[in-house]
Amino acid sequence: EPLFEDPCVAVVARNHPLAGRSAVSLGDLAQWPVVCSPRGAGLRDTVEAAFDAQGLTLSVGHEANTFSTLVAMAEAGFGVTFVPRVLEGKLDTSGCAVLPIAGNAVTREIGVVSLRGRSDSPAAAAFRALLRARYGRQSQRRSRSP
């Protein structure tokens, strides 16, 4: 059950040539090495699909498994990375420039998964109702900040 769309932002070192921009396009980012999750990770697949959709080549310089490591690698100048907006405030990006990506070109869908043919327990049903109320598509139209 889809709840909301979560756009990603680009993260670069403060001294990176893109750092002074108010936003970047995927074309801008395609000019630089990317540090990202390994193949098969959800965000890596999302990034690859976004590049493919625009006919761009993703040049992966380094891979890491955690967002904090990816941000640290971007800060150290290894390349650009992508961070989901919902995690942006949870990571130390103080040594980086965080840049919106034009047109929300890299976006992932956040939702709830349940087993087909099985009813939710009362606790799971209450949790699902809470998620719908807080993050559901209709509530997103009223408030854009998840």
N, C-alpha and C. Protein backbone atom coordinates (compact mmCIF):
# COMPACT_ATOMS: atom_id res chain seq x y z
N GLU A 1 0.86 -1.17 0.00
CA GLU A 1 0.00 0.00 0.00
C GLU A 1 0.90 1.24 0.00
N PRO A 2 0.93 1.98 -1.08
CA PRO A 2 1.78 3.18 -1.14
C PRO A 2 1.31 4.24 -0.14
N LEU A 3 2.27 4.88 0.52
CA LEU A 3 1.95 5.95 1.46
C LEU A 3 2.40 7.32 0.95
N PHE A 4 3.65 7.41 0.49
CA PHE A 4 4.14 8.70 -0.01
C PHE A 4 5.36 8.49 -0.89
N GLU A 5 5.68 9.51 -1.67
CA GLU A 5 6.88 9.54 -2.49
C GLU A 5 7.98 10.25 -1.70
N ASP A 6 9.17 9.69 -1.73
CA ASP A 6 10.31 10.25 -1.01
C ASP A 6 11.40 10.63 -2.01
N PRO A 7 11.51 11.92 -2.35
CA PRO A 7 12.57 12.33 -3.28
C PRO A 7 13.94 12.24 -2.62
N CYS A 8 14.95 12.00 -3.42
CA CYS A 8 16.31 11.98 -2.92
C CYS A 8 17.00 13.30 -3.22
N VAL A 9 18.03 13.59 -2.45
CA VAL A 9 18.86 14.76 -2.68
C VAL A 9 20.26 14.27 -3.04
N ALA A 10 21.02 15.13 -3.70
CA ALA A 10 22.42 14.82 -3.99
C ALA A 10 23.27 15.42 -2.88
N VAL A 11 24.33 14.71 -2.52
CA VAL A 11 25.24 15.18 -1.49
C VAL A 11 26.64 15.21 -2.09
N VAL A 12 27.29 16.37 -1.97
CA VAL A 12 28.65 16.55 -2.48
C VAL A 12 29.49 17.23 -1.41
N ALA A 13 30.81 17.15 -1.56
CA ALA A 13 31.71 17.85 -0.65
C ALA A 13 31.49 19.36 -0.77
N ARG A 14 31.74 20.07 0.28
CA ARG A 14 31.55 21.53 0.27
C ARG A 14 32.39 22.23 -0.79
N ASN A 15 33.54 21.65 -1.14
CA ASN A 15 34.41 22.28 -2.13
C ASN A 15 34.19 21.71 -3.54
N HIS A 16 33.18 20.91 -3.73
CA HIS A 16 32.86 20.33 -5.04
C HIS A 16 32.34 21.45 -5.96
N PRO A 17 32.65 21.38 -7.26
CA PRO A 17 32.16 22.41 -8.19
C PRO A 17 30.64 22.58 -8.23
N LEU A 18 29.88 21.56 -7.87
CA LEU A 18 28.41 21.67 -7.87
C LEU A 18 27.87 22.26 -6.56
N ALA A 19 28.71 22.38 -5.56
CA ALA A 19 28.25 22.73 -4.21
C ALA A 19 27.53 24.07 -4.12
N GLY A 20 27.85 25.01 -4.95
CA GLY A 20 27.23 26.33 -4.86
C GLY A 20 25.89 26.45 -5.54
N ARG A 21 25.44 25.41 -6.18
CA ARG A 21 24.16 25.48 -6.91
C ARG A 21 22.98 25.31 -5.97
N SER A 22 21.85 25.86 -6.40
CA SER A 22 20.63 25.71 -5.59
C SER A 22 19.94 24.38 -5.89
N ALA A 23 20.21 23.80 -7.04
CA ALA A 23 19.67 22.48 -7.43
C ALA A 23 20.55 21.94 -8.55
N VAL A 24 20.48 20.64 -8.76
CA VAL A 24 21.25 20.00 -9.83
C VAL A 24 20.33 19.07 -10.62
N SER A 25 20.73 18.79 -11.85
CA SER A 25 20.00 17.82 -12.67
C SER A 25 20.78 16.51 -12.67
N LEU A 26 20.14 15.45 -13.13
CA LEU A 26 20.88 14.20 -13.26
C LEU A 26 22.00 14.34 -14.27
N GLY A 27 21.79 15.16 -15.30
CA GLY A 27 22.84 15.41 -16.28
C GLY A 27 24.07 16.04 -15.63
N ASP A 28 23.86 16.97 -14.69
CA ASP A 28 24.97 17.55 -13.94
C ASP A 28 25.71 16.47 -13.16
N LEU A 29 24.95 15.62 -12.50
CA LEU A 29 25.54 14.59 -11.64
C LEU A 29 26.22 13.49 -12.44
N ALA A 30 25.78 13.26 -13.66
CA ALA A 30 26.36 12.20 -14.50
C ALA A 30 27.80 12.52 -14.90
N GLN A 31 28.22 13.76 -14.71
CA GLN A 31 29.58 14.17 -15.06
C GLN A 31 30.62 13.77 -14.00
N TRP A 32 30.13 13.22 -12.89
CA TRP A 32 31.01 12.94 -11.75
C TRP A 32 30.88 11.49 -11.32
N PRO A 33 31.94 10.94 -10.68
CA PRO A 33 31.81 9.59 -10.12
C PRO A 33 30.75 9.60 -9.01
N VAL A 34 30.06 8.50 -8.88
CA VAL A 34 29.01 8.36 -7.88
C VAL A 34 29.45 7.32 -6.84
N VAL A 35 29.22 7.63 -5.58
CA VAL A 35 29.38 6.64 -4.52
C VAL A 35 27.96 6.22 -4.13
N CYS A 36 27.71 4.93 -4.16
CA CYS A 36 26.35 4.47 -3.92
C CYS A 36 26.33 3.08 -3.31
N SER A 37 25.15 2.63 -3.02
CA SER A 37 24.93 1.30 -2.46
C SER A 37 25.30 0.25 -3.50
N PRO A 38 25.58 -0.97 -3.06
CA PRO A 38 25.88 -2.05 -4.00
C PRO A 38 24.66 -2.40 -4.84
N ARG A 39 24.89 -3.05 -5.97
CA ARG A 39 23.79 -3.52 -6.82
C ARG A 39 22.86 -4.39 -6.00
N GLY A 40 21.57 -4.24 -6.27
CA GLY A 40 20.55 -5.01 -5.55
C GLY A 40 19.96 -4.26 -4.39
N ALA A 41 20.63 -3.20 -3.92
CA ALA A 41 20.07 -2.37 -2.86
C ALA A 41 18.99 -1.49 -3.47
N GLY A 42 17.92 -1.27 -2.72
CA GLY A 42 16.78 -0.53 -3.26
C GLY A 42 17.12 0.82 -3.84
N LEU A 43 17.90 1.64 -3.12
CA LEU A 43 18.20 2.97 -3.63
C LEU A 43 19.10 2.90 -4.86
N ARG A 44 20.03 1.97 -4.89
CA ARG A 44 20.89 1.81 -6.09
C ARG A 44 20.02 1.54 -7.31
N ASP A 45 19.05 0.63 -7.17
CA ASP A 45 18.15 0.32 -8.28
C ASP A 45 17.38 1.56 -8.72
N THR A 46 16.93 2.36 -7.75
CA THR A 46 16.18 3.58 -8.04
C THR A 46 17.06 4.58 -8.79
N VAL A 47 18.29 4.76 -8.34
CA VAL A 47 19.23 5.69 -8.99
C VAL A 47 19.53 5.22 -10.42
N GLU A 48 19.83 3.93 -10.58
CA GLU A 48 20.11 3.40 -11.92
C GLU A 48 18.92 3.60 -12.85
N ALA A 49 17.72 3.34 -12.37
CA ALA A 49 16.52 3.52 -13.20
C ALA A 49 16.34 4.98 -13.60
N ALA A 50 16.62 5.91 -12.69
CA ALA A 50 16.49 7.33 -13.00
C ALA A 50 17.50 7.75 -14.07
N PHE A 51 18.72 7.29 -13.95
CA PHE A 51 19.74 7.59 -14.96
C PHE A 51 19.34 6.98 -16.31
N ASP A 52 18.93 5.71 -16.29
CA ASP A 52 18.51 5.03 -17.52
C ASP A 52 17.36 5.77 -18.20
N ALA A 53 16.39 6.23 -17.41
CA ALA A 53 15.21 6.92 -17.96
C ALA A 53 15.60 8.18 -18.71
N GLN A 54 16.72 8.79 -18.33
CA GLN A 54 17.17 10.01 -19.00
C GLN A 54 18.30 9.74 -19.99
N GLY A 55 18.58 8.46 -20.25
CA GLY A 55 19.62 8.10 -21.20
C GLY A 55 21.02 8.46 -20.73
N LEU A 56 21.22 8.47 -19.42
CA LEU A 56 22.51 8.85 -18.84
C LEU A 56 23.23 7.62 -18.31
N THR A 57 24.55 7.71 -18.24
CA THR A 57 25.36 6.63 -17.72
C THR A 57 25.75 6.92 -16.28
N LEU A 58 25.49 5.98 -15.41
CA LEU A 58 25.86 6.09 -14.00
C LEU A 58 27.29 5.57 -13.87
N SER A 59 28.20 6.43 -13.45
CA SER A 59 29.60 6.05 -13.29
C SER A 59 29.89 5.84 -11.80
N VAL A 60 29.83 4.59 -11.38
CA VAL A 60 30.03 4.26 -9.97
C VAL A 60 31.52 4.16 -9.67
N GLY A 61 31.98 5.02 -8.76
CA GLY A 61 33.39 5.01 -8.37
C GLY A 61 33.63 4.11 -7.17
N HIS A 62 32.72 4.15 -6.21
CA HIS A 62 32.86 3.37 -4.97
C HIS A 62 31.48 2.97 -4.49
N GLU A 63 31.45 1.89 -3.70
CA GLU A 63 30.20 1.41 -3.11
C GLU A 63 30.36 1.31 -1.60
N ALA A 64 29.26 1.49 -0.89
CA ALA A 64 29.23 1.30 0.56
C ALA A 64 27.81 0.90 0.95
N ASN A 65 27.68 0.27 2.10
CA ASN A 65 26.39 -0.26 2.52
C ASN A 65 25.54 0.69 3.36
N THR A 66 26.14 1.70 3.97
CA THR A 66 25.35 2.57 4.84
C THR A 66 25.36 4.01 4.33
N PHE A 67 24.29 4.72 4.62
CA PHE A 67 24.19 6.11 4.19
C PHE A 67 25.25 6.97 4.86
N SER A 68 25.55 6.69 6.12
CA SER A 68 26.56 7.51 6.81
C SER A 68 27.93 7.35 6.14
N THR A 69 28.25 6.16 5.68
CA THR A 69 29.51 5.94 4.97
C THR A 69 29.49 6.63 3.61
N LEU A 70 28.36 6.54 2.91
CA LEU A 70 28.25 7.21 1.61
C LEU A 70 28.44 8.71 1.76
N VAL A 71 27.82 9.31 2.77
CA VAL A 71 27.96 10.75 3.00
C VAL A 71 29.40 11.09 3.35
N ALA A 72 30.05 10.28 4.18
CA ALA A 72 31.45 10.52 4.54
C ALA A 72 32.35 10.44 3.31
N MET A 73 32.05 9.50 2.42
CA MET A 73 32.84 9.37 1.20
C MET A 73 32.64 10.58 0.28
N ALA A 74 31.41 11.06 0.19
CA ALA A 74 31.15 12.27 -0.61
C ALA A 74 31.89 13.45 0.01
N GLU A 75 31.82 13.58 1.33
CA GLU A 75 32.51 14.67 2.02
C GLU A 75 34.01 14.63 1.77
N ALA A 76 34.58 13.42 1.68
CA ALA A 76 36.01 13.25 1.45
C ALA A 76 36.40 13.45 -0.02
N GLY A 77 35.40 13.66 -0.88
CA GLY A 77 35.70 13.96 -2.27
C GLY A 77 35.72 12.76 -3.20
N PHE A 78 35.21 11.62 -2.75
CA PHE A 78 35.20 10.43 -3.61
C PHE A 78 34.16 10.50 -4.72
N GLY A 79 33.19 11.40 -4.61
CA GLY A 79 32.16 11.53 -5.63
C GLY A 79 30.88 12.08 -5.04
N VAL A 80 29.84 12.03 -5.84
CA VAL A 80 28.52 12.47 -5.38
C VAL A 80 27.75 11.27 -4.88
N THR A 81 26.81 11.50 -3.98
CA THR A 81 25.96 10.41 -3.52
C THR A 81 24.52 10.89 -3.42
N PHE A 82 23.64 9.96 -3.18
CA PHE A 82 22.20 10.22 -3.10
C PHE A 82 21.70 9.79 -1.74
N VAL A 83 20.86 10.63 -1.15
CA VAL A 83 20.30 10.34 0.17
C VAL A 83 18.79 10.60 0.10
N PRO A 84 17.98 9.68 0.61
CA PRO A 84 16.53 9.94 0.68
C PRO A 84 16.26 11.15 1.57
N ARG A 85 15.36 11.99 1.15
CA ARG A 85 15.07 13.22 1.90
C ARG A 85 14.63 12.90 3.34
N VAL A 86 13.90 11.79 3.56
CA VAL A 86 13.47 11.48 4.93
C VAL A 86 14.64 11.18 5.85
N LEU A 87 15.80 10.84 5.30
CA LEU A 87 16.97 10.56 6.13
C LEU A 87 17.93 11.74 6.22
N GLU A 88 17.72 12.74 5.42
CA GLU A 88 18.66 13.86 5.34
C GLU A 88 18.98 14.45 6.71
N GLY A 89 18.00 14.70 7.54
CA GLY A 89 18.22 15.29 8.85
C GLY A 89 18.81 14.33 9.87
N LYS A 90 18.86 13.05 9.55
CA LYS A 90 19.40 12.05 10.47
C LYS A 90 20.89 11.80 10.25
N LEU A 91 21.44 12.35 9.17
CA LEU A 91 22.83 12.11 8.82
C LEU A 91 23.66 13.37 9.04
N ASP A 92 24.93 13.19 9.32
CA ASP A 92 25.82 14.35 9.48
C ASP A 92 26.29 14.81 8.11
N THR A 93 25.61 15.82 7.59
CA THR A 93 25.99 16.39 6.30
C THR A 93 26.63 17.77 6.50
N SER A 94 27.13 18.04 7.69
CA SER A 94 27.67 19.37 8.00
C SER A 94 28.87 19.74 7.13
N GLY A 95 29.62 18.76 6.64
CA GLY A 95 30.76 19.03 5.78
C GLY A 95 30.44 18.93 4.31
N CYS A 96 29.15 18.93 4.00
CA CYS A 96 28.71 18.69 2.62
C CYS A 96 27.74 19.77 2.16
N ALA A 97 27.52 19.79 0.87
CA ALA A 97 26.42 20.56 0.30
C ALA A 97 25.33 19.56 -0.06
N VAL A 98 24.11 19.83 0.36
CA VAL A 98 22.95 18.98 0.07
C VAL A 98 22.13 19.71 -0.99
N LEU A 99 21.95 19.06 -2.14
CA LEU A 99 21.34 19.71 -3.30
C LEU A 99 20.08 19.00 -3.75
N PRO A 100 18.98 19.73 -3.87
CA PRO A 100 17.78 19.12 -4.46
C PRO A 100 18.08 18.72 -5.91
N ILE A 101 17.44 17.65 -6.35
CA ILE A 101 17.60 17.20 -7.73
C ILE A 101 16.40 17.69 -8.52
N ALA A 102 16.66 18.42 -9.58
CA ALA A 102 15.61 19.03 -10.39
C ALA A 102 14.57 18.00 -10.81
N GLY A 103 13.31 18.39 -10.67
CA GLY A 103 12.21 17.52 -11.08
C GLY A 103 12.02 16.29 -10.22
N ASN A 104 12.66 16.28 -9.03
CA ASN A 104 12.60 15.07 -8.18
C ASN A 104 12.88 13.83 -9.00
N ALA A 105 13.96 13.88 -9.80
CA ALA A 105 14.28 12.82 -10.75
C ALA A 105 14.60 11.49 -10.09
N VAL A 106 15.03 11.51 -8.83
CA VAL A 106 15.31 10.27 -8.10
C VAL A 106 14.35 10.23 -6.92
N THR A 107 13.34 9.40 -7.04
CA THR A 107 12.28 9.32 -6.03
C THR A 107 11.98 7.85 -5.75
N ARG A 108 11.73 7.57 -4.50
CA ARG A 108 11.32 6.21 -4.14
C ARG A 108 9.95 6.26 -3.49
N GLU A 109 9.23 5.18 -3.61
CA GLU A 109 7.89 5.09 -3.03
C GLU A 109 7.99 4.35 -1.70
N ILE A 110 7.39 4.94 -0.67
CA ILE A 110 7.38 4.34 0.66
C ILE A 110 5.97 3.82 0.92
N GLY A 111 5.89 2.61 1.43
CA GLY A 111 4.58 2.04 1.68
C GLY A 111 4.62 0.96 2.74
N VAL A 112 3.51 0.29 2.88
CA VAL A 112 3.35 -0.79 3.85
C VAL A 112 3.07 -2.08 3.08
N VAL A 113 3.72 -3.14 3.50
CA VAL A 113 3.53 -4.44 2.86
C VAL A 113 2.85 -5.37 3.87
N SER A 114 1.91 -6.15 3.39
CA SER A 114 1.27 -7.14 4.26
C SER A 114 1.11 -8.44 3.48
N LEU A 115 0.91 -9.51 4.21
CA LEU A 115 0.75 -10.82 3.58
C LEU A 115 -0.63 -10.93 2.93
N ARG A 116 -0.66 -11.39 1.70
CA ARG A 116 -1.91 -11.56 0.98
C ARG A 116 -2.75 -12.65 1.65
N GLY A 117 -4.03 -12.38 1.78
CA GLY A 117 -4.95 -13.37 2.31
C GLY A 117 -4.95 -13.48 3.83
N ARG A 118 -4.22 -12.62 4.51
CA ARG A 118 -4.19 -12.66 5.97
C ARG A 118 -4.65 -11.34 6.52
N SER A 119 -5.40 -11.39 7.58
CA SER A 119 -5.88 -10.18 8.25
C SER A 119 -4.79 -9.64 9.16
N ASP A 120 -4.80 -8.33 9.31
CA ASP A 120 -3.88 -7.72 10.27
C ASP A 120 -4.34 -8.05 11.68
N SER A 121 -3.39 -8.21 12.59
CA SER A 121 -3.73 -8.30 14.01
C SER A 121 -4.26 -6.94 14.43
N PRO A 122 -4.93 -6.85 15.57
CA PRO A 122 -5.40 -5.53 16.02
C PRO A 122 -4.26 -4.51 16.13
N ALA A 123 -3.11 -4.95 16.62
CA ALA A 123 -1.96 -4.03 16.75
C ALA A 123 -1.47 -3.58 15.37
N ALA A 124 -1.36 -4.51 14.43
CA ALA A 124 -0.91 -4.17 13.08
C ALA A 124 -1.92 -3.26 12.39
N ALA A 125 -3.21 -3.51 12.58
CA ALA A 125 -4.25 -2.66 11.98
C ALA A 125 -4.17 -1.23 12.55
N ALA A 126 -3.94 -1.12 13.86
CA ALA A 126 -3.81 0.20 14.47
C ALA A 126 -2.56 0.92 13.95
N PHE A 127 -1.47 0.18 13.79
CA PHE A 127 -0.23 0.77 13.27
C PHE A 127 -0.42 1.23 11.82
N ARG A 128 -1.08 0.40 11.01
CA ARG A 128 -1.36 0.77 9.62
C ARG A 128 -2.23 2.03 9.57
N ALA A 129 -3.24 2.11 10.43
CA ALA A 129 -4.11 3.29 10.47
C ALA A 129 -3.30 4.54 10.86
N LEU A 130 -2.40 4.39 11.81
CA LEU A 130 -1.54 5.50 12.21
C LEU A 130 -0.67 5.96 11.03
N LEU A 131 -0.08 5.00 10.32
CA LEU A 131 0.75 5.35 9.16
C LEU A 131 -0.07 6.05 8.08
N ARG A 132 -1.26 5.54 7.82
CA ARG A 132 -2.13 6.19 6.81
C ARG A 132 -2.44 7.62 7.21
N ALA A 133 -2.79 7.81 8.49
CA ALA A 133 -3.15 9.15 8.96
C ALA A 133 -1.96 10.11 8.88
N ARG A 134 -0.80 9.63 9.24
CA ARG A 134 0.38 10.50 9.29
C ARG A 134 1.06 10.67 7.93
N TYR A 135 1.15 9.58 7.16
CA TYR A 135 1.96 9.61 5.94
C TYR A 135 1.19 9.32 4.67
N GLY A 136 -0.08 8.99 4.78
CA GLY A 136 -0.84 8.62 3.58
C GLY A 136 -0.91 9.73 2.56
N ARG A 137 -1.20 9.37 1.33
CA ARG A 137 -1.20 10.32 0.22
C ARG A 137 -2.12 11.52 0.48
N GLN A 138 -3.28 11.32 1.08
CA GLN A 138 -4.17 12.46 1.34
C GLN A 138 -3.57 13.39 2.37
N SER A 139 -2.95 12.85 3.42
CA SER A 139 -2.35 13.73 4.42
C SER A 139 -1.14 14.45 3.83
N GLN A 140 -0.47 13.84 2.84
CA GLN A 140 0.67 14.49 2.19
C GLN A 140 0.23 15.72 1.42
N ARG A 141 -0.97 15.72 0.91
CA ARG A 141 -1.45 16.89 0.18
C ARG A 141 -1.65 18.07 1.13
N ARG A 142 -1.97 17.75 2.40
CA ARG A 142 -2.16 18.81 3.39
C ARG A 142 -0.82 19.29 3.93
N SER A 143 0.12 18.36 4.13
CA SER A 143 1.43 18.70 4.71
C SER A 143 2.51 18.00 3.91
N ARG A 144 3.41 18.72 3.31
CA ARG A 144 4.43 18.15 2.43
C ARG A 144 5.66 17.65 3.17
N SER A 145 5.71 17.70 4.49
CA SER A 145 6.91 17.26 5.18
C SER A 145 6.63 15.99 5.99
N PRO A 146 7.10 14.83 5.49
CA PRO A 146 6.88 13.58 6.23
C PRO A 146 7.66 13.54 7.51
